[in-house]
Amino acid sequence: MSCEHLICAACAGPVVEGRCPVCREGRAKLHNHGFLGLTPLTITLIVLLVVALVATVGHVSGY
């Protein structure tokens, strides 16, 4: 979804311009990027790296 064509109910301006706090909040909600601002791809890569690290440490230690 894009905020290009949305009109703010508080200031009657385009949400994309972020004229008032309501616009800025709405724009931030539309452009939110996952957990802690990370994209889903980045989160997936971090999880895969942790799993690989745990597997490597387990293999090296002999478990």
PDB file of N, CA and C in Angstrom:
ATOM      1  N   MET A   1       0.844  -1.176   0.000  1.00  0.00           N
ATOM      2  CA  MET A   1       0.000   0.000   0.000  1.00  0.00           C
ATOM      3  C   MET A   1       0.890   1.240   0.000  1.00  0.00           C
ATOM      4  N   SER A   2       0.446   2.269  -0.643  1.00  0.00           N
ATOM      5  CA  SER A   2       1.197   3.511  -0.757  1.00  0.00           C
ATOM      6  C   SER A   2       0.401   4.653  -0.129  1.00  0.00           C
ATOM      7  N   CYS A   3       1.115   5.656   0.381  1.00  0.00           N
ATOM      8  CA  CYS A   3       0.425   6.801   0.979  1.00  0.00           C
ATOM      9  C   CYS A   3       0.363   7.979   0.014  1.00  0.00           C
ATOM     10  N   GLU A   4       0.694   7.755  -1.261  1.00  0.00           N
ATOM     11  CA  GLU A   4       0.685   8.832  -2.251  1.00  0.00           C
ATOM     12  C   GLU A   4      -0.680   9.476  -2.413  1.00  0.00           C
ATOM     13  N   HIS A   5      -1.730   8.680  -2.398  1.00  0.00           N
ATOM     14  CA  HIS A   5      -3.066   9.184  -2.692  1.00  0.00           C
ATOM     15  C   HIS A   5      -3.937   9.352  -1.448  1.00  0.00           C
ATOM     16  N   LEU A   6      -3.382   9.129  -0.264  1.00  0.00           N
ATOM     17  CA  LEU A   6      -4.167   9.256   0.958  1.00  0.00           C
ATOM     18  C   LEU A   6      -4.226  10.712   1.406  1.00  0.00           C
ATOM     19  N   ILE A   7      -5.381  11.116   1.889  1.00  0.00           N
ATOM     20  CA  ILE A   7      -5.588  12.472   2.390  1.00  0.00           C
ATOM     21  C   ILE A   7      -5.805  12.390   3.901  1.00  0.00           C
ATOM     22  N   CYS A   8      -5.128  13.229   4.649  1.00  0.00           N
ATOM     23  CA  CYS A   8      -5.213  13.244   6.105  1.00  0.00           C
ATOM     24  C   CYS A   8      -6.546  13.844   6.545  1.00  0.00           C
ATOM     25  N   ALA A   9      -7.180  13.190   7.504  1.00  0.00           N
ATOM     26  CA  ALA A   9      -8.448  13.697   8.031  1.00  0.00           C
ATOM     27  C   ALA A   9      -8.229  14.880   8.967  1.00  0.00           C
ATOM     28  N   ALA A  10      -7.027  15.024   9.514  1.00  0.00           N
ATOM     29  CA  ALA A  10      -6.765  16.104  10.469  1.00  0.00           C
ATOM     30  C   ALA A  10      -6.446  17.430   9.777  1.00  0.00           C
ATOM     31  N   CYS A  11      -5.613  17.388   8.725  1.00  0.00           N
ATOM     32  CA  CYS A  11      -5.192  18.648   8.096  1.00  0.00           C
ATOM     33  C   CYS A  11      -5.626  18.766   6.634  1.00  0.00           C
ATOM     34  N   ALA A  12      -6.252  17.733   6.083  1.00  0.00           N
ATOM     35  CA  ALA A  12      -6.734  17.692   4.703  1.00  0.00           C
ATOM     36  C   ALA A  12      -5.613  17.794   3.673  1.00  0.00           C
ATOM     37  N   GLY A  13      -4.392  17.501   4.088  1.00  0.00           N
ATOM     38  CA  GLY A  13      -3.263  17.493   3.157  1.00  0.00           C
ATOM     39  C   GLY A  13      -2.885  16.075   2.796  1.00  0.00           C
ATOM     40  N   PRO A  14      -2.073  15.913   1.758  1.00  0.00           N
ATOM     41  CA  PRO A  14      -1.603  14.574   1.393  1.00  0.00           C
ATOM     42  C   PRO A  14      -0.749  13.967   2.518  1.00  0.00           C
ATOM     43  N   VAL A  15      -0.998  12.735   2.853  1.00  0.00           N
ATOM     44  CA  VAL A  15      -0.255  12.060   3.923  1.00  0.00           C
ATOM     45  C   VAL A  15       1.225  11.992   3.585  1.00  0.00           C
ATOM     46  N   VAL A  16       1.556  11.843   2.323  1.00  0.00           N
ATOM     47  CA  VAL A  16       2.945  11.706   1.907  1.00  0.00           C
ATOM     48  C   VAL A  16       3.774  12.942   2.282  1.00  0.00           C
ATOM     49  N   GLU A  17       3.136  14.118   2.392  1.00  0.00           N
ATOM     50  CA  GLU A  17       3.856  15.337   2.756  1.00  0.00           C
ATOM     51  C   GLU A  17       4.145  15.419   4.253  1.00  0.00           C
ATOM     52  N   GLY A  18       3.364  14.732   5.073  1.00  0.00           N
ATOM     53  CA  GLY A  18       3.589  14.723   6.517  1.00  0.00           C
ATOM     54  C   GLY A  18       3.464  16.087   7.162  1.00  0.00           C
ATOM     55  N   ARG A  19       2.424  16.817   6.851  1.00  0.00           N
ATOM     56  CA  ARG A  19       2.240  18.183   7.359  1.00  0.00           C
ATOM     57  C   ARG A  19       1.969  18.251   8.863  1.00  0.00           C
ATOM     58  N   CYS A  20       1.279  17.273   9.407  1.00  0.00           N
ATOM     59  CA  CYS A  20       0.916  17.313  10.832  1.00  0.00           C
ATOM     60  C   CYS A  20       1.329  15.983  11.494  1.00  0.00           C
ATOM     61  N   PRO A  21       1.259  15.907  12.824  1.00  0.00           N
ATOM     62  CA  PRO A  21       1.627  14.663  13.513  1.00  0.00           C
ATOM     63  C   PRO A  21       0.800  13.455  13.080  1.00  0.00           C
ATOM     64  N   VAL A  22      -0.468  13.674  12.740  1.00  0.00           N
ATOM     65  CA  VAL A  22      -1.321  12.565  12.291  1.00  0.00           C
ATOM     66  C   VAL A  22      -0.817  12.023  10.957  1.00  0.00           C
ATOM     67  N   CYS A  23      -0.443  12.921  10.044  1.00  0.00           N
ATOM     68  CA  CYS A  23       0.118  12.503   8.748  1.00  0.00           C
ATOM     69  C   CYS A  23       1.398  11.703   8.950  1.00  0.00           C
ATOM     70  N   ARG A  24       2.279  12.240   9.785  1.00  0.00           N
ATOM     71  CA  ARG A  24       3.572  11.575  10.004  1.00  0.00           C
ATOM     72  C   ARG A  24       3.396  10.201  10.620  1.00  0.00           C
ATOM     73  N   GLU A  25       2.451  10.063  11.546  1.00  0.00           N
ATOM     74  CA  GLU A  25       2.194   8.762  12.163  1.00  0.00           C
ATOM     75  C   GLU A  25       1.623   7.775  11.150  1.00  0.00           C
ATOM     76  N   GLY A  26       0.683   8.233  10.342  1.00  0.00           N
ATOM     77  CA  GLY A  26       0.102   7.377   9.310  1.00  0.00           C
ATOM     78  C   GLY A  26       1.131   6.927   8.295  1.00  0.00           C
ATOM     79  N   ARG A  27       1.990   7.844   7.895  1.00  0.00           N
ATOM     80  CA  ARG A  27       3.047   7.515   6.938  1.00  0.00           C
ATOM     81  C   ARG A  27       4.017   6.510   7.543  1.00  0.00           C
ATOM     82  N   ALA A  28       4.357   6.686   8.817  1.00  0.00           N
ATOM     83  CA  ALA A  28       5.273   5.764   9.491  1.00  0.00           C
ATOM     84  C   ALA A  28       4.675   4.360   9.589  1.00  0.00           C
ATOM     85  N   LYS A  29       3.362   4.280   9.837  1.00  0.00           N
ATOM     86  CA  LYS A  29       2.717   2.965   9.919  1.00  0.00           C
ATOM     87  C   LYS A  29       2.733   2.253   8.576  1.00  0.00           C
ATOM     88  N   LEU A  30       2.542   2.993   7.500  1.00  0.00           N
ATOM     89  CA  LEU A  30       2.538   2.373   6.171  1.00  0.00           C
ATOM     90  C   LEU A  30       3.923   1.917   5.747  1.00  0.00           C
ATOM     91  N   HIS A  31       4.936   2.613   6.216  1.00  0.00           N
ATOM     92  CA  HIS A  31       6.301   2.315   5.784  1.00  0.00           C
ATOM     93  C   HIS A  31       7.103   1.633   6.879  1.00  0.00           C
ATOM     94  N   ASN A  32       6.424   0.977   7.813  1.00  0.00           N
ATOM     95  CA  ASN A  32       7.091   0.256   8.882  1.00  0.00           C
ATOM     96  C   ASN A  32       7.793  -0.962   8.296  1.00  0.00           C
ATOM     97  N   HIS A  33       8.981  -1.250   8.800  1.00  0.00           N
ATOM     98  CA  HIS A  33       9.781  -2.347   8.271  1.00  0.00           C
ATOM     99  C   HIS A  33      10.045  -3.397   9.341  1.00  0.00           C
ATOM    100  N   GLY A  34       9.065  -4.186   9.624  1.00  0.00           N
ATOM    101  CA  GLY A  34       9.271  -5.339  10.477  1.00  0.00           C
ATOM    102  C   GLY A  34       9.690  -5.027  11.901  1.00  0.00           C
ATOM    103  N   PHE A  35      10.339  -5.991  12.522  1.00  0.00           N
ATOM    104  CA  PHE A  35      10.762  -5.931  13.919  1.00  0.00           C
ATOM    105  C   PHE A  35      12.007  -5.067  14.057  1.00  0.00           C
ATOM    106  N   LEU A  36      11.989  -4.080  14.927  1.00  0.00           N
ATOM    107  CA  LEU A  36      13.113  -3.164  15.193  1.00  0.00           C
ATOM    108  C   LEU A  36      13.585  -2.437  13.942  1.00  0.00           C
ATOM    109  N   GLY A  37      12.694  -2.231  13.016  1.00  0.00           N
ATOM    110  CA  GLY A  37      13.063  -1.518  11.799  1.00  0.00           C
ATOM    111  C   GLY A  37      13.798  -2.364  10.776  1.00  0.00           C
ATOM    112  N   LEU A  38      13.908  -3.656  11.021  1.00  0.00           N
ATOM    113  CA  LEU A  38      14.603  -4.557  10.099  1.00  0.00           C
ATOM    114  C   LEU A  38      13.611  -5.154   9.107  1.00  0.00           C
ATOM    115  N   THR A  39      14.074  -5.370   7.903  1.00  0.00           N
ATOM    116  CA  THR A  39      13.227  -5.991   6.894  1.00  0.00           C
ATOM    117  C   THR A  39      13.097  -7.489   7.185  1.00  0.00           C
ATOM    118  N   PRO A  40      12.045  -8.120   6.701  1.00  0.00           N
ATOM    119  CA  PRO A  40      11.898  -9.568   6.911  1.00  0.00           C
ATOM    120  C   PRO A  40      13.081 -10.367   6.357  1.00  0.00           C
ATOM    121  N   LEU A  41      13.658  -9.929   5.263  1.00  0.00           N
ATOM    122  CA  LEU A  41      14.820 -10.629   4.703  1.00  0.00           C
ATOM    123  C   LEU A  41      16.003 -10.564   5.658  1.00  0.00           C
ATOM    124  N   THR A  42      16.247  -9.412   6.248  1.00  0.00           N
ATOM    125  CA  THR A  42      17.355  -9.269   7.190  1.00  0.00           C
ATOM    126  C   THR A  42      17.138 -10.137   8.420  1.00  0.00           C
ATOM    127  N   ILE A  43      15.923 -10.179   8.926  1.00  0.00           N
ATOM    128  CA  ILE A  43      15.616 -11.022  10.086  1.00  0.00           C
ATOM    129  C   ILE A  43      15.845 -12.487   9.751  1.00  0.00           C
ATOM    130  N   THR A  44      15.413 -12.903   8.568  1.00  0.00           N
ATOM    131  CA  THR A  44      15.617 -14.286   8.138  1.00  0.00           C
ATOM    132  C   THR A  44      17.097 -14.622   8.043  1.00  0.00           C
ATOM    133  N   LEU A  45      17.888 -13.736   7.482  1.00  0.00           N
ATOM    134  CA  LEU A  45      19.333 -13.971   7.368  1.00  0.00           C
ATOM    135  C   LEU A  45      19.994 -14.064   8.740  1.00  0.00           C
ATOM    136  N   ILE A  46      19.587 -13.230   9.682  1.00  0.00           N
ATOM    137  CA  ILE A  46      20.149 -13.286  11.028  1.00  0.00           C
ATOM    138  C   ILE A  46      19.817 -14.614  11.690  1.00  0.00           C
ATOM    139  N   VAL A  47      18.571 -15.058  11.555  1.00  0.00           N
ATOM    140  CA  VAL A  47      18.166 -16.339  12.141  1.00  0.00           C
ATOM    141  C   VAL A  47      18.966 -17.483  11.516  1.00  0.00           C
ATOM    142  N   LEU A  48      19.139 -17.469  10.204  1.00  0.00           N
ATOM    143  CA  LEU A  48      19.911 -18.528   9.539  1.00  0.00           C
ATOM    144  C   LEU A  48      21.373 -18.523   9.977  1.00  0.00           C
ATOM    145  N   LEU A  49      21.952 -17.356  10.158  1.00  0.00           N
ATOM    146  CA  LEU A  49      23.338 -17.273  10.623  1.00  0.00           C
ATOM    147  C   LEU A  49      23.476 -17.802  12.049  1.00  0.00           C
ATOM    148  N   VAL A  50      22.512 -17.502  12.909  1.00  0.00           N
ATOM    149  CA  VAL A  50      22.559 -18.016  14.276  1.00  0.00           C
ATOM    150  C   VAL A  50      22.433 -19.532  14.288  1.00  0.00           C
ATOM    151  N   VAL A  51      21.530 -20.073  13.477  1.00  0.00           N
ATOM    152  CA  VAL A  51      21.370 -21.526  13.394  1.00  0.00           C
ATOM    153  C   VAL A  51      22.655 -22.174  12.882  1.00  0.00           C
ATOM    154  N   ALA A  52      23.272 -21.591  11.871  1.00  0.00           N
ATOM    155  CA  ALA A  52      24.530 -22.130  11.332  1.00  0.00           C
ATOM    156  C   ALA A  52      25.644 -22.067  12.378  1.00  0.00           C
ATOM    157  N   LEU A  53      25.698 -20.982  13.132  1.00  0.00           N
ATOM    158  CA  LEU A  53      26.710 -20.847  14.171  1.00  0.00           C
ATOM    159  C   LEU A  53      26.516 -21.882  15.266  1.00  0.00           C
ATOM    160  N   VAL A  54      25.282 -22.094  15.696  1.00  0.00           N
ATOM    161  CA  VAL A  54      24.992 -23.091  16.717  1.00  0.00           C
ATOM    162  C   VAL A  54      25.348 -24.493  16.217  1.00  0.00           C
ATOM    163  N   ALA A  55      25.023 -24.780  14.961  1.00  0.00           N
ATOM    164  CA  ALA A  55      25.349 -26.095  14.392  1.00  0.00           C
ATOM    165  C   ALA A  55      26.861 -26.289  14.313  1.00  0.00           C
ATOM    166  N   THR A  56      27.584 -25.262  13.938  1.00  0.00           N
ATOM    167  CA  THR A  56      29.048 -25.352  13.821  1.00  0.00           C
ATOM    168  C   THR A  56      29.670 -25.550  15.198  1.00  0.00           C
ATOM    169  N   VAL A  57      29.233 -24.803  16.185  1.00  0.00           N
ATOM    170  CA  VAL A  57      29.780 -24.930  17.539  1.00  0.00           C
ATOM    171  C   VAL A  57      29.438 -26.312  18.092  1.00  0.00           C
ATOM    172  N   GLY A  58      28.255 -26.812  17.860  1.00  0.00           N
ATOM    173  CA  GLY A  58      27.867 -28.143  18.302  1.00  0.00           C
ATOM    174  C   GLY A  58      28.685 -29.218  17.635  1.00  0.00           C
ATOM    175  N   HIS A  59      28.997 -29.064  16.374  1.00  0.00           N
ATOM    176  CA  HIS A  59      29.790 -30.043  15.628  1.00  0.00           C
ATOM    177  C   HIS A  59      31.237 -30.039  16.112  1.00  0.00           C
ATOM    178  N   VAL A  60      31.791 -28.872  16.335  1.00  0.00           N
ATOM    179  CA  VAL A  60      33.186 -28.754  16.776  1.00  0.00           C
ATOM    180  C   VAL A  60      33.366 -29.274  18.190  1.00  0.00           C
ATOM    181  N   SER A  61      32.414 -29.034  19.065  1.00  0.00           N
ATOM    182  CA  SER A  61      32.548 -29.459  20.461  1.00  0.00           C
ATOM    183  C   SER A  61      32.226 -30.944  20.635  1.00  0.00           C
ATOM    184  N   GLY A  62      31.680 -31.601  19.606  1.00  0.00           N
ATOM    185  CA  GLY A  62      31.462 -33.040  19.655  1.00  0.00           C
ATOM    186  C   GLY A  62      30.111 -33.483  20.169  1.00  0.00           C
ATOM    187  N   TYR A  63      29.150 -32.635  20.222  1.00  0.00           N
ATOM    188  CA  TYR A  63      27.802 -33.028  20.685  1.00  0.00           C
ATOM    189  C   TYR A  63      27.011 -33.621  19.586  1.00  0.00           C
TER     190      TYR A  63
END
